[in-house]
N, C-alpha and C. Protein backbone atom coordinates (compact mmCIF):
# COMPACT_ATOMS: atom_id res chain seq x y z
N MET A 1 129.27 95.59 101.48
CA MET A 1 129.27 95.32 100.06
C MET A 1 130.02 96.45 99.37
N SER A 2 130.92 96.11 98.47
CA SER A 2 131.69 97.15 97.81
C SER A 2 131.45 97.20 96.30
N GLU A 3 130.73 96.27 95.76
CA GLU A 3 130.44 96.23 94.34
C GLU A 3 128.93 96.23 94.13
N PRO A 4 128.47 96.79 93.02
CA PRO A 4 127.03 96.86 92.79
C PRO A 4 126.38 95.48 92.70
N ALA A 5 125.27 95.33 93.36
CA ALA A 5 124.48 94.12 93.26
C ALA A 5 123.56 94.23 92.05
N SER A 6 123.01 93.10 91.64
CA SER A 6 122.10 93.04 90.50
C SER A 6 120.68 92.84 91.00
N LEU A 7 119.72 93.30 90.20
CA LEU A 7 118.31 93.17 90.55
C LEU A 7 117.60 92.37 89.47
N TYR A 8 116.72 91.48 89.91
CA TYR A 8 115.85 90.76 88.99
C TYR A 8 114.46 90.73 89.60
N ALA A 9 113.45 91.00 88.77
CA ALA A 9 112.06 90.95 89.21
C ALA A 9 111.24 90.21 88.16
N ARG A 10 110.28 89.43 88.65
CA ARG A 10 109.34 88.76 87.75
C ARG A 10 107.94 88.91 88.31
N PHE A 11 107.03 89.40 87.44
CA PHE A 11 105.63 89.58 87.81
C PHE A 11 104.74 88.92 86.78
N THR A 12 103.62 88.39 87.23
CA THR A 12 102.63 87.79 86.36
C THR A 12 101.48 88.78 86.21
N LEU A 13 101.33 89.30 84.98
CA LEU A 13 100.36 90.36 84.72
C LEU A 13 99.70 90.15 83.36
N SER A 14 98.39 90.25 83.31
CA SER A 14 97.73 90.29 82.01
C SER A 14 98.10 91.61 81.34
N HIS A 15 97.76 91.73 80.08
CA HIS A 15 98.04 92.99 79.37
C HIS A 15 97.39 94.16 80.10
N GLU A 16 96.15 93.99 80.53
CA GLU A 16 95.43 95.05 81.24
C GLU A 16 96.10 95.37 82.57
N GLN A 17 96.52 94.34 83.29
CA GLN A 17 97.21 94.56 84.57
C GLN A 17 98.55 95.27 84.36
N TYR A 18 99.26 94.85 83.32
CA TYR A 18 100.54 95.49 82.99
C TYR A 18 100.33 96.97 82.69
N GLN A 19 99.34 97.28 81.86
CA GLN A 19 99.05 98.68 81.51
C GLN A 19 98.66 99.47 82.75
N ALA A 20 97.84 98.88 83.61
CA ALA A 20 97.41 99.57 84.83
C ALA A 20 98.60 99.83 85.75
N PHE A 21 99.49 98.84 85.88
CA PHE A 21 100.68 99.02 86.72
C PHE A 21 101.56 100.14 86.17
N MET A 22 101.84 100.11 84.87
CA MET A 22 102.70 101.13 84.27
C MET A 22 102.08 102.53 84.36
N SER A 23 100.77 102.62 84.30
CA SER A 23 100.10 103.92 84.37
C SER A 23 99.92 104.41 85.80
N SER A 24 100.10 103.53 86.76
CA SER A 24 99.86 103.90 88.16
C SER A 24 100.95 104.81 88.71
N ALA A 25 100.59 105.56 89.73
CA ALA A 25 101.58 106.34 90.46
C ALA A 25 102.51 105.37 91.18
N PRO A 26 103.81 105.66 91.23
CA PRO A 26 104.71 104.76 91.94
C PRO A 26 104.32 104.63 93.42
N ALA A 27 104.48 103.43 93.93
CA ALA A 27 104.24 103.21 95.36
C ALA A 27 105.11 104.18 96.15
N ARG A 28 104.64 104.54 97.31
CA ARG A 28 105.36 105.47 98.18
C ARG A 28 106.16 104.69 99.22
N PRO A 29 107.42 105.06 99.44
CA PRO A 29 108.22 104.33 100.42
C PRO A 29 107.56 104.25 101.79
N ALA A 30 106.92 105.33 102.22
CA ALA A 30 106.28 105.35 103.53
C ALA A 30 105.06 104.43 103.58
N GLY A 31 104.63 103.91 102.45
CA GLY A 31 103.49 103.01 102.41
C GLY A 31 103.81 101.60 102.88
N PHE A 32 105.06 101.34 103.22
CA PHE A 32 105.48 100.01 103.66
C PHE A 32 106.13 100.15 105.03
N ASP A 33 105.76 99.29 105.94
CA ASP A 33 106.28 99.41 107.30
C ASP A 33 107.38 98.41 107.63
N ASP A 34 107.93 97.75 106.61
CA ASP A 34 108.93 96.72 106.88
C ASP A 34 110.34 97.07 106.40
N TRP A 35 110.57 98.34 106.10
CA TRP A 35 111.92 98.73 105.67
C TRP A 35 112.94 98.54 106.80
N GLN A 36 112.61 99.01 108.00
CA GLN A 36 113.57 98.93 109.10
C GLN A 36 113.96 97.50 109.43
N PRO A 37 113.02 96.56 109.54
CA PRO A 37 113.45 95.17 109.78
C PRO A 37 114.39 94.64 108.69
N TRP A 38 114.16 95.06 107.42
CA TRP A 38 115.07 94.66 106.34
C TRP A 38 116.44 95.27 106.56
N PHE A 39 116.48 96.56 106.86
CA PHE A 39 117.76 97.22 107.14
C PHE A 39 118.48 96.55 108.30
N ASP A 40 117.73 96.18 109.34
CA ASP A 40 118.34 95.57 110.53
C ASP A 40 119.05 94.26 110.21
N ARG A 41 118.66 93.57 109.17
CA ARG A 41 119.29 92.29 108.81
C ARG A 41 120.54 92.47 107.95
N GLN A 42 120.85 93.70 107.55
CA GLN A 42 121.96 93.94 106.63
C GLN A 42 123.23 94.32 107.38
N ARG A 43 124.34 94.01 106.74
CA ARG A 43 125.63 94.49 107.23
C ARG A 43 125.96 95.73 106.42
N MET A 44 125.96 96.87 107.09
CA MET A 44 126.26 98.10 106.36
C MET A 44 127.02 99.05 107.26
N SER A 45 127.80 99.89 106.63
CA SER A 45 128.54 100.89 107.39
C SER A 45 127.68 102.13 107.55
N GLY A 46 127.99 102.93 108.55
CA GLY A 46 127.29 104.19 108.74
C GLY A 46 125.95 104.06 109.44
N GLY A 47 125.69 102.94 110.08
CA GLY A 47 124.43 102.80 110.80
C GLY A 47 123.36 102.19 109.92
N SER A 48 122.43 101.56 110.56
CA SER A 48 121.41 100.86 109.78
C SER A 48 120.00 101.35 110.11
N ARG A 49 119.87 102.62 110.40
CA ARG A 49 118.54 103.19 110.62
C ARG A 49 118.04 103.76 109.31
N VAL A 50 116.75 103.57 109.05
CA VAL A 50 116.16 104.14 107.85
C VAL A 50 115.92 105.62 108.11
N PRO A 51 116.66 106.50 107.44
CA PRO A 51 116.45 107.92 107.67
C PRO A 51 115.10 108.37 107.13
N PRO A 52 114.40 109.24 107.86
CA PRO A 52 113.06 109.66 107.41
C PRO A 52 113.06 110.26 106.01
N GLU A 53 114.11 110.97 105.63
CA GLU A 53 114.12 111.60 104.31
C GLU A 53 114.14 110.59 103.17
N ILE A 54 114.60 109.38 103.43
CA ILE A 54 114.62 108.39 102.36
C ILE A 54 113.22 107.85 102.08
N LEU A 55 112.31 108.06 103.00
CA LEU A 55 110.94 107.61 102.79
C LEU A 55 110.11 108.65 102.04
N ALA A 56 110.79 109.68 101.52
CA ALA A 56 110.09 110.69 100.73
C ALA A 56 109.57 110.08 99.44
N ASP A 57 108.56 110.68 98.88
CA ASP A 57 107.95 110.16 97.66
C ASP A 57 108.90 110.27 96.47
N LEU A 58 108.67 109.40 95.50
CA LEU A 58 109.44 109.45 94.26
C LEU A 58 108.98 110.63 93.43
N ASP A 59 109.86 111.09 92.58
CA ASP A 59 109.59 112.25 91.74
C ASP A 59 109.08 111.85 90.36
N ALA A 60 108.15 110.94 90.29
CA ALA A 60 107.63 110.49 88.99
C ALA A 60 106.11 110.38 89.08
N ALA A 61 105.45 110.69 87.99
CA ALA A 61 103.99 110.64 87.96
C ALA A 61 103.47 109.23 87.74
N SER A 62 104.30 108.36 87.13
CA SER A 62 103.85 107.00 86.84
C SER A 62 105.02 106.03 86.92
N VAL A 63 104.69 104.76 87.07
CA VAL A 63 105.71 103.72 87.04
C VAL A 63 106.41 103.73 85.68
N ALA A 64 105.66 104.01 84.63
CA ALA A 64 106.26 104.08 83.29
C ALA A 64 107.39 105.11 83.24
N GLU A 65 107.24 106.23 83.92
CA GLU A 65 108.31 107.23 83.97
C GLU A 65 109.53 106.69 84.69
N VAL A 66 109.31 105.96 85.77
CA VAL A 66 110.43 105.36 86.50
C VAL A 66 111.15 104.37 85.60
N VAL A 67 110.40 103.51 84.92
CA VAL A 67 110.98 102.51 84.04
C VAL A 67 111.74 103.17 82.89
N LYS A 68 111.18 104.24 82.35
CA LYS A 68 111.85 104.98 81.28
C LYS A 68 113.21 105.50 81.76
N ALA A 69 113.25 106.03 82.97
CA ALA A 69 114.52 106.51 83.53
C ALA A 69 115.51 105.36 83.68
N TRP A 70 115.02 104.20 84.13
CA TRP A 70 115.91 103.04 84.25
C TRP A 70 116.45 102.63 82.88
N ARG A 71 115.61 102.63 81.88
CA ARG A 71 116.04 102.23 80.53
C ARG A 71 117.08 103.18 79.96
N GLU A 72 116.98 104.45 80.30
CA GLU A 72 117.90 105.45 79.76
C GLU A 72 119.21 105.53 80.54
N ASP A 73 119.30 104.85 81.67
CA ASP A 73 120.48 104.89 82.51
C ASP A 73 121.43 103.76 82.11
N ALA A 74 122.57 104.12 81.53
CA ALA A 74 123.53 103.11 81.09
C ALA A 74 124.06 102.26 82.25
N TRP A 75 123.98 102.76 83.46
CA TRP A 75 124.49 102.05 84.63
C TRP A 75 123.79 100.72 84.84
N THR A 76 122.51 100.63 84.51
CA THR A 76 121.77 99.40 84.77
C THR A 76 122.24 98.24 83.91
N GLY A 77 122.96 98.48 82.84
CA GLY A 77 123.59 97.42 82.07
C GLY A 77 122.87 97.00 80.82
N THR A 78 121.60 97.10 80.76
CA THR A 78 120.83 96.68 79.59
C THR A 78 119.42 97.23 79.75
N PRO A 79 118.68 97.39 78.66
CA PRO A 79 117.29 97.80 78.87
C PRO A 79 116.62 96.81 79.82
N PRO A 80 116.20 97.27 80.99
CA PRO A 80 115.88 96.34 82.07
C PRO A 80 114.48 95.77 82.08
N VAL A 81 113.66 96.05 81.09
CA VAL A 81 112.26 95.63 81.18
C VAL A 81 111.86 94.84 79.94
N GLU A 82 111.19 93.72 80.17
CA GLU A 82 110.69 92.89 79.08
C GLU A 82 109.31 92.37 79.48
N TYR A 83 108.30 92.72 78.71
CA TYR A 83 106.96 92.21 78.97
C TYR A 83 106.58 91.24 77.85
N ASP A 84 106.24 90.02 78.22
CA ASP A 84 105.82 88.99 77.29
C ASP A 84 104.33 88.79 77.48
N GLU A 85 103.55 89.31 76.53
CA GLU A 85 102.09 89.26 76.65
C GLU A 85 101.56 87.83 76.59
N ILE A 86 102.20 86.97 75.82
CA ILE A 86 101.75 85.59 75.70
C ILE A 86 101.93 84.85 77.02
N ARG A 87 103.08 85.01 77.62
CA ARG A 87 103.35 84.36 78.91
C ARG A 87 102.82 85.16 80.10
N ARG A 88 102.37 86.39 79.80
CA ARG A 88 101.85 87.27 80.85
C ARG A 88 102.92 87.51 81.92
N THR A 89 104.12 87.80 81.46
CA THR A 89 105.25 87.93 82.38
C THR A 89 106.00 89.23 82.13
N LEU A 90 106.18 89.98 83.19
CA LEU A 90 107.03 91.18 83.19
C LEU A 90 108.30 90.81 83.92
N ARG A 91 109.43 91.00 83.24
CA ARG A 91 110.72 90.72 83.87
C ARG A 91 111.58 91.98 83.79
N ILE A 92 112.26 92.24 84.88
CA ILE A 92 113.12 93.42 84.98
C ILE A 92 114.48 92.94 85.45
N ALA A 93 115.52 93.40 84.77
CA ALA A 93 116.88 93.04 85.15
C ALA A 93 117.76 94.28 85.16
N MET A 94 118.54 94.41 86.18
CA MET A 94 119.55 95.46 86.25
C MET A 94 120.85 94.80 86.72
N LEU A 95 121.83 94.79 85.86
CA LEU A 95 123.08 94.14 86.22
C LEU A 95 123.81 94.88 87.32
N GLN A 96 123.76 96.19 87.28
CA GLN A 96 124.45 97.01 88.29
C GLN A 96 123.41 97.88 89.00
N ALA A 97 122.56 97.26 89.77
CA ALA A 97 121.47 98.01 90.41
C ALA A 97 122.01 99.02 91.42
N SER A 98 122.74 98.55 92.40
CA SER A 98 123.28 99.46 93.42
C SER A 98 124.13 98.68 94.40
N GLU A 99 124.95 99.42 95.13
CA GLU A 99 125.68 98.84 96.25
C GLU A 99 125.21 99.48 97.56
N ASN A 100 124.26 100.38 97.46
CA ASN A 100 123.80 101.17 98.59
C ASN A 100 122.39 100.76 98.96
N TYR A 101 122.18 100.43 100.23
CA TYR A 101 120.86 99.97 100.66
C TYR A 101 119.80 101.06 100.55
N HIS A 102 120.18 102.30 100.73
CA HIS A 102 119.22 103.40 100.56
C HIS A 102 118.75 103.46 99.12
N GLU A 103 119.68 103.28 98.17
CA GLU A 103 119.30 103.27 96.76
C GLU A 103 118.47 102.03 96.43
N MET A 104 118.79 100.90 97.07
CA MET A 104 117.99 99.70 96.85
C MET A 104 116.54 99.95 97.27
N LEU A 105 116.35 100.65 98.38
CA LEU A 105 115.00 100.98 98.83
C LEU A 105 114.28 101.76 97.74
N ARG A 106 114.96 102.69 97.11
CA ARG A 106 114.34 103.51 96.06
C ARG A 106 114.05 102.69 94.79
N LEU A 107 114.82 101.65 94.53
CA LEU A 107 114.53 100.76 93.40
C LEU A 107 113.37 99.81 93.72
N LEU A 108 113.35 99.32 94.94
CA LEU A 108 112.33 98.35 95.32
C LEU A 108 110.94 98.96 95.45
N THR A 109 110.88 100.22 95.89
CA THR A 109 109.57 100.83 96.16
C THR A 109 108.63 100.79 94.97
N PRO A 110 109.02 101.29 93.78
CA PRO A 110 108.05 101.24 92.67
C PRO A 110 107.69 99.82 92.27
N LEU A 111 108.62 98.88 92.44
CA LEU A 111 108.33 97.49 92.10
C LEU A 111 107.33 96.88 93.07
N ARG A 112 107.40 97.29 94.32
CA ARG A 112 106.46 96.76 95.31
C ARG A 112 105.03 97.13 94.96
N GLY A 113 104.85 98.21 94.22
CA GLY A 113 103.52 98.62 93.79
C GLY A 113 102.87 97.62 92.86
N ALA A 114 103.65 96.73 92.24
CA ALA A 114 103.09 95.72 91.34
C ALA A 114 102.16 94.77 92.08
N ALA A 115 102.29 94.68 93.38
CA ALA A 115 101.45 93.77 94.16
C ALA A 115 99.96 94.10 94.02
N ARG A 116 99.66 95.34 93.73
CA ARG A 116 98.25 95.73 93.56
C ARG A 116 97.69 95.24 92.23
N PHE A 117 98.55 94.79 91.31
CA PHE A 117 98.12 94.46 89.96
C PHE A 117 98.38 93.02 89.54
N ASN A 118 99.37 92.36 90.14
CA ASN A 118 99.72 91.02 89.66
C ASN A 118 98.67 90.00 90.07
N ASP A 119 98.74 88.84 89.43
CA ASP A 119 97.82 87.75 89.76
C ASP A 119 98.05 87.35 91.22
N PRO A 120 96.99 87.30 92.02
CA PRO A 120 97.17 87.02 93.45
C PRO A 120 97.77 85.64 93.74
N ASP A 121 97.58 84.68 92.85
CA ASP A 121 98.11 83.33 93.09
C ASP A 121 99.49 83.11 92.47
N ALA A 122 100.03 84.12 91.84
CA ALA A 122 101.33 83.98 91.16
C ALA A 122 102.45 83.86 92.19
N ASP A 123 103.53 83.27 91.75
CA ASP A 123 104.73 83.10 92.58
C ASP A 123 105.75 84.17 92.20
N ASP A 124 105.35 85.44 92.32
CA ASP A 124 106.19 86.54 91.85
C ASP A 124 107.18 86.98 92.93
N PHE A 125 108.28 87.58 92.46
CA PHE A 125 109.33 87.96 93.40
C PHE A 125 110.27 89.00 92.79
N VAL A 126 111.03 89.63 93.69
CA VAL A 126 112.13 90.52 93.33
C VAL A 126 113.30 90.10 94.20
N VAL A 127 114.47 90.02 93.59
CA VAL A 127 115.67 89.70 94.36
C VAL A 127 116.79 90.65 93.96
N ILE A 128 117.55 91.08 94.94
CA ILE A 128 118.79 91.82 94.71
C ILE A 128 119.90 90.93 95.24
N LEU A 129 120.82 90.59 94.35
CA LEU A 129 121.87 89.64 94.70
C LEU A 129 123.19 90.03 94.07
N ASP A 130 124.23 89.43 94.57
CA ASP A 130 125.56 89.64 94.03
C ASP A 130 125.76 88.69 92.86
N PHE A 131 125.42 89.14 91.66
CA PHE A 131 125.53 88.30 90.48
C PHE A 131 126.88 88.48 89.79
N LEU A 132 127.28 89.70 89.53
CA LEU A 132 128.47 89.97 88.73
C LEU A 132 129.78 89.58 89.42
N TRP A 133 129.79 89.59 90.72
CA TRP A 133 131.04 89.42 91.44
C TRP A 133 131.21 88.02 92.01
N GLY A 134 130.28 87.12 91.70
CA GLY A 134 130.44 85.71 92.02
C GLY A 134 130.25 85.33 93.47
N GLU A 135 129.75 86.22 94.29
CA GLU A 135 129.50 85.85 95.68
C GLU A 135 128.05 85.42 95.80
N GLU A 136 127.71 84.85 96.91
CA GLU A 136 126.35 84.34 97.09
C GLU A 136 125.47 85.25 97.95
N GLU A 137 125.88 86.48 98.14
CA GLU A 137 125.13 87.37 99.02
C GLU A 137 123.79 87.77 98.40
N ILE A 138 122.73 87.63 99.19
CA ILE A 138 121.39 88.07 98.81
C ILE A 138 121.10 89.31 99.65
N ASN A 139 120.90 90.44 98.99
CA ASN A 139 120.66 91.69 99.70
C ASN A 139 119.19 91.91 100.02
N ALA A 140 118.32 91.44 99.15
CA ALA A 140 116.88 91.59 99.38
C ALA A 140 116.15 90.52 98.58
N CYS A 141 115.10 90.01 99.18
CA CYS A 141 114.21 89.09 98.48
C CYS A 141 112.80 89.44 98.91
N LEU A 142 111.99 89.83 97.94
CA LEU A 142 110.59 90.16 98.17
C LEU A 142 109.72 89.14 97.48
N ARG A 143 108.69 88.68 98.17
CA ARG A 143 107.69 87.80 97.58
C ARG A 143 106.38 88.57 97.46
N PHE A 144 105.62 88.25 96.44
CA PHE A 144 104.37 88.93 96.17
C PHE A 144 103.22 87.94 96.22
N GLY A 145 102.12 88.39 96.80
CA GLY A 145 100.92 87.56 96.83
C GLY A 145 99.82 88.25 97.61
N ASP A 146 98.60 87.94 97.24
CA ASP A 146 97.43 88.50 97.94
C ASP A 146 97.46 90.01 98.02
N GLY A 147 97.95 90.66 96.97
CA GLY A 147 97.93 92.12 96.91
C GLY A 147 98.98 92.81 97.75
N ALA A 148 99.99 92.08 98.20
CA ALA A 148 101.02 92.67 99.05
C ALA A 148 102.39 92.11 98.68
N SER A 149 103.42 92.79 99.16
CA SER A 149 104.79 92.29 99.03
C SER A 149 105.37 92.19 100.44
N ARG A 150 106.27 91.25 100.60
CA ARG A 150 106.89 91.08 101.91
C ARG A 150 108.33 90.61 101.74
N PHE A 151 109.20 91.09 102.62
CA PHE A 151 110.58 90.64 102.61
C PHE A 151 110.65 89.21 103.14
N GLU A 152 111.51 88.43 102.52
CA GLU A 152 111.79 87.07 102.97
C GLU A 152 113.23 87.05 103.47
N GLU A 153 113.47 86.26 104.49
CA GLU A 153 114.84 86.16 105.01
C GLU A 153 115.75 85.39 104.07
N SER A 154 115.18 84.49 103.29
CA SER A 154 115.96 83.76 102.29
C SER A 154 115.16 83.73 101.00
N CYS A 155 115.82 83.39 99.94
CA CYS A 155 115.19 83.36 98.63
C CYS A 155 115.09 81.90 98.17
N ALA A 156 113.95 81.53 97.62
CA ALA A 156 113.75 80.16 97.16
C ALA A 156 114.81 79.80 96.11
N PRO A 157 115.37 78.60 96.18
CA PRO A 157 116.40 78.20 95.21
C PRO A 157 115.95 78.34 93.76
N GLU A 158 114.69 78.01 93.47
CA GLU A 158 114.22 78.14 92.08
C GLU A 158 114.14 79.59 91.64
N HIS A 159 113.89 80.51 92.58
CA HIS A 159 113.89 81.94 92.25
C HIS A 159 115.31 82.42 91.97
N LEU A 160 116.25 81.97 92.78
CA LEU A 160 117.66 82.35 92.55
C LEU A 160 118.15 81.80 91.21
N GLU A 161 117.77 80.58 90.90
CA GLU A 161 118.18 79.98 89.62
C GLU A 161 117.60 80.78 88.46
N GLU A 162 116.32 81.13 88.53
CA GLU A 162 115.69 81.93 87.48
C GLU A 162 116.36 83.29 87.35
N ALA A 163 116.62 83.94 88.48
CA ALA A 163 117.25 85.26 88.45
C ALA A 163 118.64 85.20 87.83
N ARG A 164 119.43 84.24 88.25
CA ARG A 164 120.79 84.12 87.71
C ARG A 164 120.77 83.81 86.21
N ALA A 165 119.85 82.96 85.78
CA ALA A 165 119.77 82.63 84.35
C ALA A 165 119.40 83.87 83.53
N TYR A 166 118.44 84.65 84.01
CA TYR A 166 118.02 85.83 83.25
C TYR A 166 119.11 86.90 83.27
N LEU A 167 119.75 87.08 84.42
CA LEU A 167 120.84 88.05 84.49
C LEU A 167 122.00 87.61 83.59
N GLN A 168 122.23 86.30 83.48
CA GLN A 168 123.27 85.81 82.57
C GLN A 168 122.91 86.13 81.13
N GLU A 169 121.62 85.99 80.76
CA GLU A 169 121.17 86.38 79.43
C GLU A 169 121.45 87.86 79.17
N ALA A 170 121.17 88.70 80.17
CA ALA A 170 121.43 90.14 80.02
C ALA A 170 122.93 90.39 79.86
N TRP A 171 123.74 89.69 80.63
CA TRP A 171 125.19 89.83 80.53
C TRP A 171 125.69 89.39 79.16
N ASP A 172 125.19 88.24 78.69
CA ASP A 172 125.59 87.76 77.36
C ASP A 172 125.17 88.73 76.27
N TYR A 173 123.98 89.29 76.38
CA TYR A 173 123.50 90.29 75.43
C TYR A 173 124.46 91.47 75.39
N LEU A 174 124.87 91.94 76.54
CA LEU A 174 125.80 93.07 76.60
C LEU A 174 127.14 92.74 75.97
N GLN A 175 127.64 91.54 76.27
CA GLN A 175 128.92 91.11 75.73
C GLN A 175 128.87 91.01 74.20
N ASN A 176 127.79 90.48 73.69
CA ASN A 176 127.65 90.34 72.23
C ASN A 176 127.51 91.71 71.56
N ARG A 177 126.83 92.63 72.23
CA ARG A 177 126.66 93.98 71.68
C ARG A 177 127.98 94.74 71.67
N ALA A 178 128.79 94.50 72.68
CA ALA A 178 130.07 95.21 72.79
C ALA A 178 131.13 94.61 71.85
N GLY A 179 130.99 93.33 71.57
CA GLY A 179 132.01 92.63 70.80
C GLY A 179 131.77 92.70 69.38
């Protein structure tokens, strides 16, 4: 991959769950044992082993700090977080998330922590895909349920449709702001 992929996440959280997630310490990369199988499915240069140093903890006291850093980073393309209390939905979008799988791991880790807070029966997910460059490559697809997150080999068509529609809204917002 030579161009940055985009990230979209959707979680179902009550106001209390949302507050608890944002106040929580970010999930630790070493807390998940499925990074290597995900890396093994990717086409990447420089080897596909998960280096131990990348499993180091994040440098933030809370998920809210991580989100604040994402919001302040112009690279992500738009303020990436929207919580709708009525729909009980947290959506995160980053138009230019990353082109590097190691960086993707660092983006996915705090989001995986949402599994401890979201509704257990919700159909929540995170996907990293090639949105801006018009290719159909899916770099990562995580599904959430029963207090855990897991990588999926493919992403449900309705999830891809939702992700593309929301990322298109973010793109349109950026275009209108710039124009």
